[in-house]
Protein backbone atom coordinates (compact mmCIF):
# COMPACT_ATOMS: atom_id res chain seq x y z
CA CYS A 1 105.00 92.33 99.53
CA PHE A 2 103.88 91.95 95.95
CA GLY A 3 106.99 91.95 93.80
CA ASN A 4 108.74 95.15 94.87
CA GLU A 5 105.54 96.73 96.26
CA ILE A 6 104.50 96.82 99.92
CA GLY A 7 100.72 96.41 100.24
CA TRP A 8 100.25 97.08 103.92
CA ILE A 9 102.16 97.20 107.21
CA VAL A 10 100.15 96.41 110.36
CA GLY A 11 99.42 99.62 112.24
CA TYR A 12 99.76 101.84 109.16
CA ARG A 13 97.30 102.68 106.43
CA ILE A 14 97.07 100.53 103.31
CA SER A 15 98.76 101.61 100.09
CA GLU A 16 96.43 103.45 97.69
CA LYS A 17 97.52 100.97 95.01
CA PHE A 18 96.11 98.02 97.01
CA LYS A 19 92.79 99.45 98.25
CA VAL A 20 89.57 97.61 97.36
CA ASP A 21 87.49 99.49 94.77
CA ASN A 22 85.00 98.79 91.95
CA ASN A 23 87.79 97.30 89.80
CA THR A 24 88.89 94.77 92.45
CA GLU A 25 88.73 91.16 91.22
CA ARG A 26 90.25 89.27 94.16
CA ILE A 27 90.60 89.93 97.90
CA LEU A 28 93.06 88.32 100.30
CA GLN A 29 91.79 88.62 103.87
CA ILE A 30 94.37 88.21 106.65
CA CYS A 31 93.33 88.21 110.32
CA ILE A 32 95.94 89.19 112.91
CA GLU A 33 95.43 88.53 116.61
CA ARG A 34 97.58 89.54 119.55
């Protein structure tokens, strides 16, 4: 979560608000393994 916003839930698509685009300044990469 980012404040009151959910960025992504594993197994679901990412929120449009948090997608990487040409205006992206920072990226947080998280790797999940089962």
